[in-house]
Amino acid sequence: MRSVDPATATRGLIPIRGTGGSAPLAGVADPYAYWLKYYAAKDPKRASPELLHDTIRDLNRIGKTRDVHAALMGFLTNHPTLAEPWMYEALALAIEMNKGSETDVKTALNYAADLAARSHNPNHLVSVADILFSKGYYDRVGALLDEAAGKVPHRFEPLVGSINLAQKIKDPGRMGDAIDRLLSLGWPGQDEYFRLESRNQAETLEKSLREENRVAEADALMNRLAQAEARDLFVRLTWDGESDYDLAVEEPLGATACYQTPRTVFGGAIVKNGYGSHPEEIYTCPRGFDGDYTITVSTIWTNPSRPTTRLTLEVVEHEGTPREVKQTHRLVPDKPNAAIKVHLTEGRRKKVLPYFDPNASALEILSKHQKANPPRARAARPGAGGRAAPPQPKPASPPIRVEN
């Protein structure tokens, strides 16, 4: 594994090849000398990854890509112990925009991968993996995604990335593992898409494997897909008229999936919320623990001019397997609150998911922002004025995609 060597910083670390990019800051003949000196100053405010982020953002905004490269080099040369993965991601992009060599781009991304692997931070791991994948540098992508998936099993980004990678390198084992983990959970608002697209991706790879006469691998992949698509418990509520009903399912170990908390740590999720002219609400627990699942339905509102006359609850145990059992319950629209219990046996869930509290996460982000931006005047940065803004979070990975 490559690592960041501070000693190489004085040699340029990742030298830029060729010319290109924009002119340096006004009045600065050599941006590399300028930023190297700027970050060498004994000023603790300049040794700040957050302020560097803002500086790079502002330089990008005004099109000074050569200064972006110079500023990153100046910071990393003087503060190698403060290096973060995003800095080398930005460095790779700056090299590319300034028409540097592909070798240097890849080297920068390898440094980013090294730092992400050391951090064990799933956000860093996925971010670097995404960029490596987009550039076609597949060698390290799998390891980064695998670690991220292990740390955040309730997030789809590492699993989607792994499916993309498997498609590119034609790895049915990785494809099967990623699809199995993805479909082992319900995904509020995205469940149907992930299920359909997982099948599309598996069938695409299956076709490629058969064309290469890898028949046994193709058969094994499709068998794994069928097992992954099976669900231990599936519940659907439908109605006519114009109304809003809420489905809630209390799971064996005490958590309840409902509108306010659509997914539980025990694997269940309200994946579709129905209302008005969308009269369908769905709960699913693809891999569940054994025990009683208590289903209740609450009336939120009804339109008197278009009242509900039919309210139906469908329950399927072991969906998609030889042990599949279906039940249909006709509920009274005006009094749907009677609890319906389903006793699940031979459930396939073995582990509890991590608990994630969105409110706690928001408070943590706010706290970090306040620490980085105390309510007092801040020194202006070269080439930028005004108060610094906090680093903007990177968007989540896009859904499953395969670039042909």
Protein backbone atom coordinates (compact mmCIF):
# COMPACT_ATOMS: atom_id res chain seq x y z
CA MET A 1 0.00 0.00 0.00
CA ARG A 2 1.25 3.43 -0.87
CA SER A 3 1.44 6.03 1.85
CA VAL A 4 1.98 9.75 2.00
CA ASP A 5 5.65 10.53 2.43
CA PRO A 6 6.19 14.08 3.75
CA ALA A 7 9.71 14.03 2.42
CA THR A 8 8.44 13.96 -1.15
CA ALA A 9 6.52 17.17 -0.59
CA THR A 10 9.56 19.36 -1.18
CA ARG A 11 10.01 17.63 -4.54
CA GLY A 12 6.49 18.58 -5.58
CA LEU A 13 4.88 15.31 -4.43
CA ILE A 14 2.81 15.01 -7.61
CA PRO A 15 4.39 17.32 -10.19
CA ILE A 16 2.11 18.79 -12.82
CA ARG A 17 2.91 18.03 -16.44
CA GLY A 18 2.47 20.52 -19.25
CA THR A 19 0.80 23.89 -19.19
CA GLY A 20 -2.84 24.75 -19.00
CA GLY A 21 -5.30 26.10 -16.54
CA SER A 22 -5.91 29.73 -15.79
CA ALA A 23 -3.60 32.57 -14.85
CA PRO A 24 -2.47 32.87 -11.22
CA LEU A 25 -3.87 35.40 -8.81
CA ALA A 26 -3.44 39.00 -9.90
CA GLY A 27 0.09 40.19 -9.24
CA VAL A 28 1.41 36.68 -8.49
CA ALA A 29 3.99 35.46 -10.98
CA ASP A 30 4.35 31.96 -9.55
CA PRO A 31 1.29 30.58 -7.74
CA TYR A 32 3.26 27.54 -6.53
CA ALA A 33 5.83 29.70 -4.73
CA TYR A 34 3.06 31.95 -3.40
CA TRP A 35 0.91 29.18 -1.88
CA LEU A 36 3.92 27.27 -0.60
CA LYS A 37 5.03 30.37 1.32
CA TYR A 38 1.46 31.15 2.44
CA TYR A 39 0.97 27.76 4.09
CA ALA A 40 4.50 27.76 5.53
CA ALA A 41 3.60 30.75 7.73
CA LYS A 42 3.36 30.02 11.43
CA ASP A 43 -0.32 30.88 11.57
CA PRO A 44 -2.61 28.19 13.06
CA LYS A 45 -5.55 29.57 11.11
CA ARG A 46 -3.83 28.57 7.88
CA ALA A 47 -3.37 24.99 9.07
CA SER A 48 -7.08 24.34 8.78
CA PRO A 49 -8.56 21.69 6.44
CA GLU A 50 -11.90 23.50 6.65
CA LEU A 51 -10.44 26.80 5.46
CA LEU A 52 -8.47 25.02 2.76
CA HIS A 53 -11.74 23.51 1.56
CA ASP A 54 -13.26 26.98 1.33
CA THR A 55 -10.22 28.34 -0.47
CA ILE A 56 -10.28 25.55 -3.04
CA ARG A 57 -14.00 26.07 -3.55
CA ASP A 58 -13.56 29.81 -4.11
CA LEU A 59 -10.64 29.34 -6.50
CA ASN A 60 -12.66 26.81 -8.46
CA ARG A 61 -15.57 29.23 -8.60
CA ILE A 62 -13.47 31.87 -10.36
CA GLY A 63 -11.81 29.35 -12.66
CA LYS A 64 -8.29 29.43 -11.19
CA THR A 65 -7.56 25.73 -11.55
CA ARG A 66 -3.79 26.24 -11.55
CA ASP A 67 -4.06 28.00 -8.19
CA VAL A 68 -6.22 25.15 -6.93
CA HIS A 69 -3.39 22.75 -7.66
CA ALA A 70 -0.81 25.13 -6.18
CA ALA A 71 -2.82 25.72 -3.00
CA LEU A 72 -3.32 22.01 -2.42
CA MET A 73 0.37 21.36 -2.99
CA GLY A 74 1.33 24.20 -0.65
CA PHE A 75 -0.93 22.92 2.12
CA LEU A 76 0.10 19.26 1.78
CA THR A 77 3.78 20.18 1.66
CA ASN A 78 3.60 22.16 4.89
CA HIS A 79 0.94 20.14 6.74
CA PRO A 80 1.19 16.50 5.61
CA THR A 81 -0.18 15.21 8.92
CA LEU A 82 -3.42 17.14 8.29
CA ALA A 83 -4.02 15.51 4.92
CA GLU A 84 -7.55 14.25 4.31
CA PRO A 85 -8.84 12.06 1.47
CA TRP A 86 -10.81 14.87 -0.17
CA MET A 87 -7.61 16.89 -0.64
CA TYR A 88 -6.14 14.23 -2.90
CA GLU A 89 -9.46 13.79 -4.68
CA ALA A 90 -9.36 17.54 -5.42
CA LEU A 91 -5.69 17.30 -6.34
CA ALA A 92 -6.43 14.58 -8.90
CA LEU A 93 -9.15 16.72 -10.44
CA ALA A 94 -6.86 19.77 -10.51
CA ILE A 95 -4.13 17.78 -12.26
CA GLU A 96 -6.65 16.59 -14.80
CA MET A 97 -8.10 20.06 -15.40
CA ASN A 98 -4.61 21.46 -15.85
CA LYS A 99 -3.88 18.74 -18.41
CA GLY A 100 -1.42 16.89 -16.22
CA SER A 101 -0.50 13.25 -16.75
CA GLU A 102 -2.85 10.36 -16.11
CA THR A 103 -0.12 8.76 -13.99
CA ASP A 104 -0.21 11.73 -11.61
CA VAL A 105 -4.00 11.62 -11.45
CA LYS A 106 -3.88 7.95 -10.50
CA THR A 107 -1.12 8.58 -7.96
CA ALA A 108 -3.19 11.29 -6.27
CA LEU A 109 -6.20 8.98 -6.08
CA ASN A 110 -4.04 6.24 -4.61
CA TYR A 111 -3.00 8.66 -1.87
CA ALA A 112 -6.70 9.41 -1.32
CA ALA A 113 -7.42 5.69 -1.09
CA ASP A 114 -4.59 5.24 1.44
CA LEU A 115 -5.99 7.98 3.67
CA ALA A 116 -9.56 6.70 3.35
CA ALA A 117 -8.44 3.20 4.31
CA ARG A 118 -6.58 4.57 7.35
CA SER A 119 -9.57 6.63 8.44
CA HIS A 120 -12.02 3.70 8.27
CA ASN A 121 -14.64 6.38 7.66
CA PRO A 122 -17.35 4.96 5.36
CA ASN A 123 -17.98 8.37 3.80
CA HIS A 124 -14.33 8.66 2.79
CA LEU A 125 -14.20 5.05 1.63
CA VAL A 126 -17.23 5.40 -0.64
CA SER A 127 -16.20 8.80 -1.97
CA VAL A 128 -12.76 7.64 -3.07
CA ALA A 129 -14.18 4.37 -4.43
CA ASP A 130 -16.67 6.34 -6.54
CA ILE A 131 -13.95 8.47 -8.10
CA LEU A 132 -11.64 5.52 -8.74
CA PHE A 133 -14.53 3.68 -10.39
CA SER A 134 -15.45 6.68 -12.57
CA LYS A 135 -11.83 6.87 -13.79
CA GLY A 136 -11.66 3.16 -14.55
CA TYR A 137 -9.11 2.39 -11.80
CA TYR A 138 -10.83 -0.69 -10.41
CA ASP A 139 -8.02 -2.40 -8.47
CA ARG A 140 -8.74 -0.79 -5.08
CA VAL A 141 -12.45 -0.09 -5.41
CA GLY A 142 -13.62 -3.45 -4.08
CA ALA A 143 -11.67 -3.30 -0.82
CA LEU A 144 -12.86 0.24 -0.08
CA LEU A 145 -16.49 -0.62 -0.73
CA ASP A 146 -16.33 -3.87 1.23
CA GLU A 147 -15.07 -2.11 4.35
CA ALA A 148 -17.69 0.62 4.00
CA ALA A 149 -20.47 -1.94 3.58
CA GLY A 150 -19.38 -3.70 6.75
CA LYS A 151 -19.43 -0.46 8.73
CA VAL A 152 -22.76 0.87 7.43
CA PRO A 153 -24.86 -2.18 6.50
CA HIS A 154 -27.98 0.00 6.55
CA ARG A 155 -26.71 2.24 3.70
CA PHE A 156 -27.12 1.46 0.01
CA GLU A 157 -24.15 3.41 -1.41
CA PRO A 158 -21.40 0.80 -0.85
CA LEU A 159 -23.66 -2.00 -2.10
CA VAL A 160 -24.70 -0.12 -5.22
CA GLY A 161 -21.04 0.65 -5.88
CA SER A 162 -20.18 -3.00 -5.49
CA ILE A 163 -22.87 -4.00 -8.01
CA ASN A 164 -21.46 -1.46 -10.47
CA LEU A 165 -17.97 -2.83 -9.95
CA ALA A 166 -19.09 -6.44 -10.37
CA GLN A 167 -20.72 -5.55 -13.68
CA LYS A 168 -17.58 -3.86 -14.97
CA ILE A 169 -15.15 -6.62 -13.98
CA LYS A 170 -17.66 -9.45 -14.62
CA ASP A 171 -17.47 -10.84 -11.09
CA PRO A 172 -20.62 -12.91 -10.36
CA GLY A 173 -19.52 -13.61 -6.79
CA ARG A 174 -19.32 -9.93 -5.93
CA MET A 175 -22.58 -9.29 -7.77
CA GLY A 176 -24.37 -12.01 -5.81
CA ASP A 177 -22.99 -10.83 -2.46
CA ALA A 178 -23.94 -7.20 -3.08
CA ILE A 179 -27.45 -7.97 -4.31
CA ASP A 180 -28.05 -10.33 -1.39
CA ARG A 181 -27.08 -7.62 1.10
CA LEU A 182 -29.01 -4.91 -0.72
CA LEU A 183 -32.22 -6.93 -0.90
CA SER A 184 -31.91 -8.15 2.69
CA LEU A 185 -33.39 -4.79 3.74
CA GLY A 186 -36.42 -2.76 2.81
CA TRP A 187 -35.60 0.68 1.37
CA PRO A 188 -38.24 3.35 2.11
CA GLY A 189 -39.12 5.16 -1.09
CA GLN A 190 -36.63 3.17 -3.20
CA ASP A 191 -37.41 -0.47 -2.56
CA GLU A 192 -39.14 -1.27 -5.82
CA TYR A 193 -36.41 0.42 -7.84
CA PHE A 194 -33.61 -1.46 -6.11
CA ARG A 195 -35.36 -4.78 -6.59
CA LEU A 196 -36.05 -4.20 -10.28
CA GLU A 197 -32.60 -2.81 -11.01
CA SER A 198 -30.85 -5.59 -9.09
CA ARG A 199 -32.57 -8.11 -11.33
CA ASN A 200 -31.65 -6.09 -14.43
CA GLN A 201 -28.00 -5.97 -13.39
CA ALA A 202 -27.89 -9.69 -12.59
CA GLU A 203 -29.50 -10.60 -15.92
CA THR A 204 -27.09 -8.34 -17.80
CA LEU A 205 -24.12 -10.04 -16.16
CA GLU A 206 -25.68 -13.45 -16.67
CA LYS A 207 -25.88 -12.79 -20.42
CA SER A 208 -22.21 -11.76 -20.55
CA LEU A 209 -21.15 -14.86 -18.61
CA ARG A 210 -23.06 -17.18 -20.93
CA GLU A 211 -21.51 -15.50 -23.96
CA GLU A 212 -18.10 -16.32 -22.45
CA ASN A 213 -19.21 -19.90 -21.78
CA ARG A 214 -19.15 -19.34 -18.00
CA VAL A 215 -22.39 -21.25 -17.70
CA ALA A 216 -21.96 -22.59 -14.17
CA GLU A 217 -21.23 -19.10 -12.84
CA ALA A 218 -24.25 -17.70 -14.66
CA ASP A 219 -26.51 -20.39 -13.19
CA ALA A 220 -25.13 -19.80 -9.69
CA LEU A 221 -25.72 -16.05 -9.98
CA MET A 222 -29.36 -16.48 -10.97
CA ASN A 223 -29.92 -18.97 -8.15
CA ARG A 224 -28.51 -16.44 -5.69
CA LEU A 225 -30.74 -13.75 -7.16
CA ALA A 226 -33.85 -15.85 -6.54
CA GLN A 227 -32.81 -16.41 -2.92
CA ALA A 228 -32.05 -12.70 -2.45
CA GLU A 229 -35.42 -11.66 -3.86
CA ALA A 230 -37.33 -13.86 -1.39
CA ARG A 231 -38.82 -12.01 1.59
CA ASP A 232 -39.58 -13.42 5.03
CA LEU A 233 -42.57 -11.12 5.52
CA PHE A 234 -44.46 -8.87 3.14
CA VAL A 235 -47.52 -6.78 4.15
CA ARG A 236 -49.61 -4.64 1.82
CA LEU A 237 -52.55 -2.39 2.70
CA THR A 238 -54.84 -1.18 -0.11
CA TRP A 239 -58.10 0.75 -0.23
CA ASP A 240 -60.52 2.50 -2.54
CA GLY A 241 -61.96 5.99 -2.27
CA GLU A 242 -59.81 8.90 -1.13
CA SER A 243 -58.27 8.38 2.29
CA ASP A 244 -55.02 8.12 4.20
CA TYR A 245 -54.28 5.09 6.36
CA ASP A 246 -51.06 4.40 8.20
CA LEU A 247 -49.58 0.95 8.60
CA ALA A 248 -47.52 0.08 11.69
CA VAL A 249 -45.79 -3.20 12.45
CA GLU A 250 -44.41 -4.03 15.88
CA GLU A 251 -41.59 -6.53 15.49
CA PRO A 252 -40.67 -9.40 17.84
CA LEU A 253 -37.86 -7.62 19.67
CA GLY A 254 -39.87 -4.48 20.40
CA ALA A 255 -39.21 -1.97 17.60
CA THR A 256 -42.05 -0.64 15.48
CA ALA A 257 -41.89 0.32 11.82
CA CYS A 258 -44.29 3.19 11.12
CA TYR A 259 -44.57 6.50 9.28
CA GLN A 260 -42.38 8.34 11.81
CA THR A 261 -39.68 5.61 11.89
CA PRO A 262 -39.99 3.78 8.58
CA ARG A 263 -37.08 1.39 9.20
CA THR A 264 -36.14 -0.54 12.33
CA VAL A 265 -32.87 -2.03 13.50
CA PHE A 266 -34.47 -5.46 13.15
CA GLY A 267 -34.78 -5.30 9.37
CA GLY A 268 -38.37 -4.21 8.77
CA ALA A 269 -39.39 -1.10 6.87
CA ILE A 270 -42.39 0.81 5.59
CA VAL A 271 -41.16 1.03 2.01
CA LYS A 272 -44.21 2.70 0.49
CA ASN A 273 -46.45 5.32 2.10
CA GLY A 274 -49.89 5.58 0.55
CA TYR A 275 -52.37 8.47 0.73
CA GLY A 276 -55.26 9.94 -1.23
CA SER A 277 -55.04 8.84 -4.85
CA HIS A 278 -52.09 6.55 -4.02
CA PRO A 279 -53.97 3.87 -2.06
CA GLU A 280 -51.20 1.45 -1.20
CA GLU A 281 -48.97 1.13 1.85
CA ILE A 282 -46.29 -1.57 2.07
CA TYR A 283 -44.21 -3.02 4.90
CA THR A 284 -41.54 -5.58 4.22
CA CYS A 285 -39.03 -7.50 6.28
CA PRO A 286 -36.89 -9.41 3.77
CA ARG A 287 -34.81 -10.98 6.55
CA GLY A 288 -36.63 -11.11 9.87
CA PHE A 289 -36.20 -12.52 13.36
CA ASP A 290 -38.55 -15.27 14.50
CA GLY A 291 -41.54 -14.25 16.59
CA ASP A 292 -44.78 -12.29 16.54
CA TYR A 293 -45.27 -9.34 14.20
CA THR A 294 -48.24 -7.22 15.29
CA ILE A 295 -49.87 -5.23 12.47
CA THR A 296 -52.13 -2.26 13.12
CA VAL A 297 -53.82 0.22 10.78
CA SER A 298 -54.74 3.78 11.74
CA THR A 299 -57.08 6.19 9.97
CA ILE A 300 -55.41 9.55 9.28
CA TRP A 301 -58.16 11.18 7.22
CA THR A 302 -60.94 10.35 4.77
CA ASN A 303 -62.76 12.38 2.16
CA PRO A 304 -66.51 12.22 2.98
CA SER A 305 -67.39 12.72 -0.69
CA ARG A 306 -65.22 9.75 -1.69
CA PRO A 307 -65.29 7.43 1.34
CA THR A 308 -63.42 4.15 1.60
CA THR A 309 -65.63 1.12 1.08
CA ARG A 310 -62.90 -1.50 0.78
CA LEU A 311 -59.84 -1.81 3.01
CA THR A 312 -57.69 -4.89 2.44
CA LEU A 313 -54.61 -6.18 4.24
CA GLU A 314 -52.49 -8.82 2.50
CA VAL A 315 -49.85 -10.75 4.45
CA VAL A 316 -47.32 -13.04 2.81
CA GLU A 317 -44.85 -15.17 4.79
CA HIS A 318 -41.74 -16.55 3.07
CA GLU A 319 -42.62 -14.82 -0.17
CA GLY A 320 -40.96 -16.32 -3.24
CA THR A 321 -40.11 -19.66 -1.60
CA PRO A 322 -41.80 -23.10 -1.55
CA ARG A 323 -43.00 -22.26 1.99
CA GLU A 324 -44.92 -19.17 0.89
CA VAL A 325 -48.17 -18.58 2.81
CA LYS A 326 -50.67 -15.84 1.92
CA GLN A 327 -53.46 -14.37 4.03
CA THR A 328 -56.01 -11.71 3.13
CA HIS A 329 -57.84 -9.67 5.78
CA ARG A 330 -60.89 -7.52 5.00
CA LEU A 331 -60.85 -4.60 7.42
CA VAL A 332 -63.71 -2.30 8.37
CA PRO A 333 -62.82 1.12 6.89
CA ASP A 334 -64.30 3.06 9.80
CA LYS A 335 -62.70 0.83 12.47
CA PRO A 336 -59.44 -0.62 11.09
CA ASN A 337 -57.50 -0.63 14.36
CA ALA A 338 -57.82 -4.31 15.34
CA ALA A 339 -54.34 -5.82 15.72
CA ILE A 340 -53.39 -8.70 13.45
CA LYS A 341 -50.58 -10.97 14.59
CA VAL A 342 -48.32 -12.98 12.35
CA HIS A 343 -45.95 -15.53 13.87
CA LEU A 344 -42.82 -15.89 11.75
CA THR A 345 -40.67 -19.02 11.96
CA GLU A 346 -37.40 -19.78 10.19
CA GLY A 347 -36.62 -16.10 9.77
CA ARG A 348 -33.26 -15.43 8.14
CA ARG A 349 -32.03 -12.37 10.03
CA LYS A 350 -28.99 -12.97 12.22
CA LYS A 351 -27.82 -9.46 13.15
CA VAL A 352 -29.34 -6.23 14.38
CA LEU A 353 -28.66 -3.15 12.25
CA PRO A 354 -26.89 -0.06 13.62
CA TYR A 355 -29.21 2.50 15.17
CA PHE A 356 -29.30 5.79 13.28
CA ASP A 357 -30.99 8.86 14.74
CA PRO A 358 -31.38 11.60 12.08
CA ASN A 359 -31.89 14.25 14.77
CA ALA A 360 -28.67 13.29 16.54
CA SER A 361 -26.81 13.39 13.23
CA ALA A 362 -28.14 16.85 12.45
CA LEU A 363 -27.07 18.10 15.89
CA GLU A 364 -23.59 16.66 15.39
CA ILE A 365 -23.23 18.43 12.04
CA LEU A 366 -24.46 21.69 13.58
CA SER A 367 -22.00 21.34 16.47
CA LYS A 368 -19.07 20.80 14.10
CA HIS A 369 -20.15 23.79 12.03
CA GLN A 370 -20.33 26.02 15.10
CA LYS A 371 -16.89 24.93 16.28
CA ALA A 372 -15.40 25.59 12.84
CA ASN A 373 -17.22 28.92 12.52
CA PRO A 374 -17.33 30.70 15.89
CA PRO A 375 -19.40 33.91 15.97
CA ARG A 376 -16.55 36.34 15.49
CA ALA A 377 -14.74 37.97 12.59
CA ARG A 378 -12.49 35.68 10.63
CA ALA A 379 -9.35 36.61 8.76
CA ALA A 380 -9.86 36.88 5.00
CA ARG A 381 -8.03 34.37 2.86
CA PRO A 382 -5.83 35.34 -0.08
CA GLY A 383 -7.95 35.61 -3.18
CA ALA A 384 -11.24 35.38 -1.24
CA GLY A 385 -13.15 37.73 0.98
CA GLY A 386 -15.91 37.53 3.50
CA ARG A 387 -16.72 34.99 6.12
CA ALA A 388 -15.93 31.38 5.43
CA ALA A 389 -18.75 28.90 4.93
CA PRO A 390 -18.58 25.33 6.21
CA PRO A 391 -17.60 22.61 3.75
CA GLN A 392 -20.62 21.49 1.79
CA PRO A 393 -21.44 17.79 2.22
CA LYS A 394 -20.92 15.68 -0.86
CA PRO A 395 -24.08 14.25 -2.40
CA ALA A 396 -24.88 10.60 -1.91
CA SER A 397 -23.80 8.17 -4.58
CA PRO A 398 -26.33 7.97 -7.41
CA PRO A 399 -28.46 4.85 -7.70
CA ILE A 400 -27.24 1.81 -9.56
CA ARG A 401 -25.72 2.74 -12.89
CA VAL A 402 -23.51 0.98 -15.36
CA GLU A 403 -21.49 2.98 -17.83
CA ASN A 404 -21.04 1.08 -21.08
